Amino acid sequence: FKADRVAKIPGRYGVLHRILQAAIIMYLIYSIIMSELYLKKELPIPGAVRTTLKESDNFSTPSYCTGQLPCVFWSANEIQYPSDGESFAFFTTRASVINYPSLPGCSFLKATSRSDHCFFKAANNATTILPPSYIVGIENFTVMIEHSIRGKVTSIALRNGLMDGELMSFDGKSLRTITNATRMASNPKADGDIFTVQELLTAAGANLDSPSTAPGADKTANETYRSSGIVIVVVIEYRNVLYKNDVISYKYLPRLIDGNEYKVLENIYNVTDGSFTIIDRHGIRFIFQQHGSIGEFDLITLLTSIVASFALFGGANLIVEIIISLTKKDYERVKYFEDLEQQRLEK
């Protein structure tokens, strides 16, 4: 059986050992604070993300209205479809509206087979209500975003009105800081964060008048994102605020999905005359994803982190032993067989 033996080694190795131990202690304190090892952490459980669109008071005829397509002025109710989407929002930038009247004595909803003459066919007697047209001034509309999260193993349950936030650009720069003071400045009754559509587009690195990279876009006509539609994913990232107990903040991280277009067909069945009205919408699709890490102070978690960190002290011993073994030829003999200090005293 072999056991470790304690040997006193003369020299300044003890000073080096204490310096290494002090450095390890400072590193442990730094890690516990900066890595928040005192928190019981978990992934946030996503709550509801709701968006509300509001039209701007400043309307003017933009330059794209003088191109191939005409422009129309729509209110927020017509632009946002559907009016209340959970974790997504769609804002129309181009639309066309066509009405398909039913045949005499027919109902599109009661066709018994595809060969039935009452079966709906898009080519039957179509009436164009609105030709393909751009929606004016979508960039100036404002969007209010409301979102919430909760914990599973912690007692955390918050909405964004109780947290501070930040809008980040696609290249990592901070564009705007959001606090209760800034929310109330723009709207004293605001329940969420208010941005212009242009702010979100800029943060995502998107320009509606840039040529679309979507595979289905008309490259010969130099079709833009305003015409083809666009998809933007907005990650809402949550985390604890450093040095503040149980305080959580969030960041909006919008990013353009290159090569994606977006359109949706809204089908309206008119009960009065049995006709179909189809609205072909192209526009901005915002998709919200809630991620991050949240936590609250927990004594057991802190003690576990401290105990686990003490294993690093063995590294100080190892470093000193390696240095001694390289500088003292009789180190192995002293460590395992003799006490060099006792031998020196006997002389």
Protein backbone atom coordinates (compact mmCIF):
# COMPACT_ATOMS: atom_id res chain seq x y z
CA PHE A 1 0.00 0.00 0.00
CA LYS A 2 1.34 3.43 -0.96
CA ALA A 3 0.27 6.64 0.73
CA ASP A 4 1.19 10.27 0.07
CA ARG A 5 3.84 11.70 2.35
CA VAL A 6 4.04 15.32 3.44
CA ALA A 7 7.48 16.78 2.92
CA LYS A 8 8.75 20.28 3.65
CA ILE A 9 10.67 21.68 0.70
CA PRO A 10 12.93 24.66 1.47
CA GLY A 11 12.84 27.64 -0.85
CA ARG A 12 10.21 30.09 -2.09
CA TYR A 13 7.86 27.47 -3.44
CA GLY A 14 5.40 28.16 -0.62
CA VAL A 15 5.05 31.78 -1.77
CA LEU A 16 4.34 30.60 -5.31
CA HIS A 17 1.79 28.14 -3.96
CA ARG A 18 -0.04 30.87 -2.03
CA ILE A 19 -0.03 33.19 -5.05
CA LEU A 20 -1.60 30.47 -7.19
CA GLN A 21 -4.21 29.77 -4.52
CA ALA A 22 -5.05 33.49 -4.30
CA ALA A 23 -5.38 33.67 -8.10
CA ILE A 24 -7.71 30.66 -8.07
CA ILE A 25 -9.87 32.23 -5.35
CA MET A 26 -10.19 35.47 -7.35
CA TYR A 27 -11.06 33.47 -10.46
CA LEU A 28 -13.72 31.52 -8.55
CA ILE A 29 -15.29 34.72 -7.22
CA TYR A 30 -15.24 36.23 -10.71
CA SER A 31 -16.81 33.11 -12.23
CA ILE A 32 -19.54 32.87 -9.60
CA ILE A 33 -20.52 36.50 -10.14
CA MET A 34 -20.12 36.82 -13.92
CA SER A 35 -21.49 33.36 -14.77
CA GLU A 36 -24.28 33.76 -12.20
CA LEU A 37 -23.48 30.44 -10.55
CA TYR A 38 -25.59 31.52 -7.57
CA LEU A 39 -28.81 31.31 -9.60
CA LYS A 40 -31.11 28.37 -10.13
CA LYS A 41 -31.50 28.71 -13.90
CA GLU A 42 -33.96 27.35 -16.42
CA LEU A 43 -35.26 28.01 -19.90
CA PRO A 44 -38.19 30.44 -19.93
CA ILE A 45 -41.59 29.01 -20.77
CA PRO A 46 -42.96 31.19 -23.60
CA GLY A 47 -46.14 33.08 -22.91
CA ALA A 48 -48.22 35.00 -25.41
CA VAL A 49 -46.63 37.37 -27.93
CA ARG A 50 -49.21 39.80 -29.25
CA THR A 51 -48.79 42.58 -31.81
CA THR A 52 -51.02 45.54 -32.53
CA LEU A 53 -50.64 47.74 -35.61
CA LYS A 54 -51.56 51.42 -35.70
CA GLU A 55 -51.53 53.73 -38.71
CA SER A 56 -49.44 56.85 -38.85
CA ASP A 57 -50.83 60.36 -39.10
CA ASN A 58 -48.20 61.26 -41.70
CA PHE A 59 -49.16 59.96 -45.12
CA SER A 60 -47.50 60.96 -48.36
CA THR A 61 -47.21 59.39 -51.78
CA PRO A 62 -43.89 57.53 -51.93
CA SER A 63 -41.73 57.06 -55.01
CA TYR A 64 -42.67 53.41 -55.54
CA CYS A 65 -46.24 54.50 -56.34
CA THR A 66 -45.04 55.96 -59.64
CA GLY A 67 -43.82 52.58 -60.90
CA GLN A 68 -45.62 49.69 -62.53
CA LEU A 69 -48.16 49.17 -59.73
CA PRO A 70 -50.61 51.71 -58.34
CA CYS A 71 -50.91 52.47 -54.63
CA VAL A 72 -53.81 52.38 -52.20
CA PHE A 73 -54.22 53.72 -48.68
CA TRP A 74 -55.29 51.08 -46.17
CA SER A 75 -55.86 51.36 -42.45
CA ALA A 76 -54.26 49.09 -39.86
CA ASN A 77 -57.35 46.87 -39.81
CA GLU A 78 -56.96 46.03 -43.50
CA ILE A 79 -53.16 45.71 -43.40
CA GLN A 80 -52.75 43.31 -40.46
CA TYR A 81 -53.98 39.80 -41.20
CA PRO A 82 -55.14 38.12 -39.10
CA SER A 83 -55.89 40.88 -36.64
CA ASP A 84 -54.55 38.92 -33.66
CA GLY A 85 -51.86 36.35 -34.34
CA GLU A 86 -50.08 34.58 -31.50
CA SER A 87 -46.28 34.71 -31.81
CA PHE A 88 -46.47 36.07 -35.36
CA ALA A 89 -47.68 39.10 -37.27
CA PHE A 90 -48.35 39.67 -40.95
CA PHE A 91 -48.51 43.16 -42.49
CA THR A 92 -49.67 43.52 -46.08
CA THR A 93 -47.44 45.47 -48.48
CA ARG A 94 -49.05 44.43 -51.78
CA ALA A 95 -52.53 43.14 -52.45
CA SER A 96 -55.10 42.35 -55.10
CA VAL A 97 -58.80 41.61 -54.62
CA ILE A 98 -60.92 39.49 -56.97
CA ASN A 99 -64.58 38.53 -56.61
CA TYR A 100 -65.93 35.28 -58.05
CA PRO A 101 -69.75 35.32 -58.34
CA SER A 102 -71.62 32.06 -58.00
CA LEU A 103 -73.50 30.60 -60.95
CA PRO A 104 -77.29 30.96 -61.00
CA GLY A 105 -78.91 28.42 -58.72
CA CYS A 106 -75.52 27.28 -57.37
CA SER A 107 -73.63 27.43 -54.13
CA PHE A 108 -69.88 26.89 -54.18
CA LEU A 109 -70.15 25.21 -50.79
CA LYS A 110 -72.65 22.58 -51.95
CA ALA A 111 -70.87 21.09 -54.97
CA THR A 112 -71.18 17.30 -54.85
CA SER A 113 -68.13 16.56 -57.01
CA ARG A 114 -65.35 18.27 -58.92
CA SER A 115 -67.32 17.77 -62.13
CA ASP A 116 -70.35 19.53 -60.64
CA HIS A 117 -70.91 22.77 -62.58
CA CYS A 118 -71.30 24.51 -59.19
CA PHE A 119 -67.76 23.54 -58.17
CA PHE A 120 -65.64 26.65 -57.66
CA LYS A 121 -63.28 27.50 -60.51
CA ALA A 122 -61.12 30.59 -60.23
CA ALA A 123 -61.60 31.45 -63.90
CA ASN A 124 -65.39 31.74 -63.72
CA ASN A 125 -66.64 35.29 -64.32
CA ALA A 126 -64.02 36.92 -62.11
CA THR A 127 -64.43 40.58 -61.27
CA THR A 128 -61.33 42.52 -60.27
CA ILE A 129 -62.11 44.74 -57.32
CA LEU A 130 -58.51 45.81 -56.76
CA PRO A 131 -55.68 45.16 -59.23
CA PRO A 132 -52.24 44.34 -57.79
CA SER A 133 -51.38 47.44 -55.75
CA TYR A 134 -48.91 48.58 -53.14
CA ILE A 135 -50.07 49.62 -49.68
CA VAL A 136 -48.85 53.12 -48.92
CA GLY A 137 -46.63 53.97 -45.96
CA ILE A 138 -46.33 50.66 -44.14
CA GLU A 139 -42.91 51.72 -42.83
CA ASN A 140 -44.49 54.61 -40.89
CA PHE A 141 -47.03 52.43 -39.09
CA THR A 142 -46.29 51.65 -35.45
CA VAL A 143 -46.31 48.20 -33.87
CA MET A 144 -46.90 47.52 -30.19
CA ILE A 145 -45.39 44.23 -29.02
CA GLU A 146 -46.51 42.56 -25.81
CA HIS A 147 -44.92 39.37 -24.50
CA SER A 148 -44.62 37.38 -21.29
CA ILE A 149 -42.72 34.44 -19.80
CA ARG A 150 -42.84 32.21 -16.75
CA GLY A 151 -40.62 29.70 -15.04
CA LYS A 152 -41.23 26.06 -14.23
CA VAL A 153 -38.95 25.37 -11.26
CA THR A 154 -38.79 29.03 -10.24
CA SER A 155 -41.53 31.45 -9.25
CA ILE A 156 -40.80 33.83 -12.14
CA ALA A 157 -43.82 35.10 -14.09
CA LEU A 158 -43.40 38.42 -15.90
CA ARG A 159 -44.69 40.50 -18.79
CA ASN A 160 -42.49 42.87 -20.73
CA GLY A 161 -44.09 45.91 -19.10
CA LEU A 162 -42.28 44.89 -15.89
CA MET A 163 -38.89 44.42 -17.53
CA ASP A 164 -36.36 46.60 -19.32
CA GLY A 165 -35.51 45.71 -22.90
CA GLU A 166 -33.29 46.56 -25.82
CA LEU A 167 -33.67 46.52 -29.59
CA MET A 168 -30.55 45.11 -31.25
CA SER A 169 -29.56 45.36 -34.89
CA PHE A 170 -28.57 42.38 -37.02
CA ASP A 171 -24.88 43.32 -36.58
CA GLY A 172 -25.04 43.36 -32.77
CA LYS A 173 -25.42 47.10 -32.19
CA SER A 174 -27.90 48.49 -29.70
CA LEU A 175 -30.51 50.65 -31.43
CA ARG A 176 -32.79 51.53 -28.55
CA THR A 177 -33.12 50.92 -24.81
CA ILE A 178 -36.63 50.30 -23.51
CA THR A 179 -37.72 51.19 -19.98
CA ASN A 180 -41.02 52.11 -18.35
CA ALA A 181 -40.03 55.75 -18.77
CA THR A 182 -39.55 55.40 -22.54
CA ARG A 183 -42.77 53.40 -22.90
CA MET A 184 -44.79 56.07 -21.14
CA ALA A 185 -43.12 58.84 -23.12
CA SER A 186 -44.56 57.58 -26.40
CA ASN A 187 -47.88 56.44 -24.95
CA PRO A 188 -48.89 56.83 -21.27
CA LYS A 189 -51.25 53.86 -21.62
CA ALA A 190 -48.84 51.59 -23.48
CA ASP A 191 -48.96 47.96 -22.39
CA GLY A 192 -46.01 46.98 -24.57
CA ASP A 193 -43.06 48.21 -26.61
CA ILE A 194 -43.85 50.52 -29.52
CA PHE A 195 -41.72 50.59 -32.67
CA THR A 196 -42.24 51.81 -36.19
CA VAL A 197 -42.21 49.10 -38.83
CA GLN A 198 -39.17 50.84 -40.31
CA GLU A 199 -37.27 50.44 -37.02
CA LEU A 200 -37.85 46.70 -37.06
CA LEU A 201 -36.89 46.45 -40.73
CA THR A 202 -33.68 48.40 -40.13
CA ALA A 203 -32.81 46.25 -37.12
CA ALA A 204 -33.29 43.12 -39.23
CA GLY A 205 -31.18 44.48 -42.09
CA ALA A 206 -34.14 44.56 -44.46
CA ASN A 207 -35.18 47.09 -47.10
CA LEU A 208 -38.55 46.62 -48.78
CA ASP A 209 -37.32 48.35 -51.93
CA SER A 210 -34.31 46.07 -52.37
CA PRO A 211 -34.49 43.38 -55.08
CA SER A 212 -36.01 40.20 -53.71
CA THR A 213 -33.73 37.16 -53.45
CA ALA A 214 -36.66 34.74 -53.29
CA PRO A 215 -36.51 31.97 -55.92
CA GLY A 216 -40.04 32.80 -57.06
CA ALA A 217 -39.41 36.52 -57.48
CA ASP A 218 -39.58 38.01 -60.97
CA LYS A 219 -35.90 38.80 -61.57
CA THR A 220 -36.51 40.26 -65.04
CA ALA A 221 -38.86 42.87 -63.57
CA ASN A 222 -36.47 43.48 -60.66
CA GLU A 223 -39.20 42.54 -58.18
CA THR A 224 -38.64 43.96 -54.70
CA TYR A 225 -39.40 42.62 -51.23
CA ARG A 226 -42.34 45.02 -51.12
CA SER A 227 -43.88 43.02 -53.93
CA SER A 228 -42.78 39.47 -53.14
CA GLY A 229 -43.03 39.62 -49.36
CA ILE A 230 -40.43 39.01 -46.70
CA VAL A 231 -39.88 36.90 -43.56
CA ILE A 232 -38.23 38.28 -40.42
CA VAL A 233 -37.58 36.16 -37.34
CA VAL A 234 -37.44 38.13 -34.09
CA VAL A 235 -35.77 36.28 -31.22
CA ILE A 236 -36.69 37.67 -27.80
CA GLU A 237 -33.83 36.71 -25.50
CA TYR A 238 -34.29 36.87 -21.73
CA ARG A 239 -31.61 36.91 -19.04
CA ASN A 240 -31.00 38.06 -15.48
CA VAL A 241 -29.53 41.52 -14.96
CA LEU A 242 -26.03 41.31 -13.50
CA TYR A 243 -25.66 42.53 -9.89
CA LYS A 244 -29.44 42.85 -9.48
CA ASN A 245 -31.30 40.18 -7.57
CA ASP A 246 -34.21 38.57 -9.44
CA VAL A 247 -34.31 41.30 -12.11
CA ILE A 248 -34.76 40.09 -15.70
CA SER A 249 -34.28 41.96 -18.97
CA TYR A 250 -34.73 41.04 -22.63
CA LYS A 251 -33.42 41.83 -26.08
CA TYR A 252 -35.13 41.89 -29.46
CA LEU A 253 -32.87 40.20 -32.03
CA PRO A 254 -34.54 40.53 -35.46
CA ARG A 255 -33.00 38.90 -38.52
CA LEU A 256 -34.05 38.75 -42.16
CA ILE A 257 -34.43 35.24 -43.61
CA ASP A 258 -32.71 35.63 -46.95
CA GLY A 259 -34.47 34.11 -49.94
CA ASN A 260 -37.91 33.84 -48.32
CA GLU A 261 -41.02 35.45 -49.71
CA TYR A 262 -44.40 35.43 -48.06
CA LYS A 263 -47.96 35.57 -49.31
CA VAL A 264 -51.33 34.51 -47.99
CA LEU A 265 -54.72 34.12 -49.64
CA GLU A 266 -57.68 35.36 -47.65
CA ASN A 267 -60.90 33.67 -48.78
CA ILE A 268 -64.17 35.38 -47.91
CA TYR A 269 -67.49 33.63 -48.61
CA ASN A 270 -70.26 36.17 -49.10
CA VAL A 271 -73.43 34.70 -47.66
CA THR A 272 -75.70 37.25 -49.30
CA ASP A 273 -74.93 36.30 -52.91
CA GLY A 274 -72.89 33.09 -52.55
CA SER A 275 -69.79 34.61 -54.15
CA PHE A 276 -66.15 34.26 -53.13
CA THR A 277 -63.86 37.24 -52.58
CA ILE A 278 -60.17 36.35 -52.60
CA ILE A 279 -57.59 38.79 -51.30
CA ASP A 280 -54.07 37.95 -52.45
CA ARG A 281 -51.72 39.43 -49.85
CA HIS A 282 -47.94 39.78 -49.97
CA GLY A 283 -46.13 41.36 -47.08
CA ILE A 284 -43.95 41.24 -43.99
CA ARG A 285 -44.16 38.12 -41.86
CA PHE A 286 -42.75 38.62 -38.35
CA ILE A 287 -42.16 35.42 -36.39
CA PHE A 288 -41.38 35.77 -32.68
CA GLN A 289 -39.32 33.16 -30.81
CA GLN A 290 -38.75 33.40 -27.05
CA HIS A 291 -35.42 32.07 -25.76
CA GLY A 292 -32.78 32.72 -23.12
CA SER A 293 -32.12 31.73 -19.53
CA ILE A 294 -33.81 32.98 -16.37
CA GLY A 295 -33.20 32.22 -12.73
CA GLU A 296 -33.48 33.29 -9.13
CA PHE A 297 -31.07 33.18 -6.18
CA ASP A 298 -30.75 29.77 -4.56
CA LEU A 299 -28.43 29.03 -1.62
CA ILE A 300 -28.03 25.34 -2.46
CA THR A 301 -27.01 26.22 -6.02
CA LEU A 302 -24.41 28.67 -4.69
CA LEU A 303 -22.97 26.14 -2.21
CA THR A 304 -22.81 23.47 -4.91
CA SER A 305 -20.89 25.83 -7.18
CA ILE A 306 -18.43 26.72 -4.39
CA VAL A 307 -17.77 23.09 -3.43
CA ALA A 308 -17.28 22.07 -7.07
CA SER A 309 -14.87 24.97 -7.57
CA PHE A 310 -12.57 23.83 -4.75
CA ALA A 311 -11.34 21.07 -7.04
CA LEU A 312 -9.29 23.74 -8.81
CA PHE A 313 -7.05 24.06 -5.74
CA GLY A 314 -5.51 20.75 -6.72
CA GLY A 315 -4.22 22.53 -9.80
CA ALA A 316 -2.08 24.84 -7.64
CA ASN A 317 -0.42 21.85 -5.98
CA LEU A 318 0.19 20.21 -9.34
CA ILE A 319 1.82 23.31 -10.85
CA VAL A 320 4.14 23.77 -7.86
CA GLU A 321 5.14 20.11 -7.87
CA ILE A 322 5.98 20.24 -11.57
CA ILE A 323 8.17 23.31 -11.03
CA ILE A 324 9.95 21.71 -8.08
CA SER A 325 10.53 18.47 -9.95
CA LEU A 326 12.17 20.42 -12.78
CA THR A 327 14.39 22.50 -10.49
CA LYS A 328 15.34 20.09 -7.68
CA LYS A 329 17.11 16.91 -8.61
CA ASP A 330 16.46 15.25 -5.25
CA TYR A 331 12.74 16.15 -5.17
CA GLU A 332 11.50 12.58 -5.57
CA ARG A 333 13.81 11.32 -2.82
CA VAL A 334 12.73 14.10 -0.49
CA LYS A 335 9.04 13.65 -1.21
CA TYR A 336 8.89 9.92 -0.75
CA PHE A 337 11.84 8.99 1.46
CA GLU A 338 13.34 11.87 3.42
CA ASP A 339 12.45 15.13 5.04
CA LEU A 340 15.02 17.54 3.63
CA GLU A 341 14.30 20.14 6.32
CA GLN A 342 14.89 17.61 9.09
CA GLN A 343 18.08 16.46 7.39
CA ARG A 344 19.33 20.06 7.25
CA LEU A 345 18.64 20.61 10.95
CA GLU A 346 20.49 17.46 11.92
CA LYS A 347 23.60 18.75 10.16
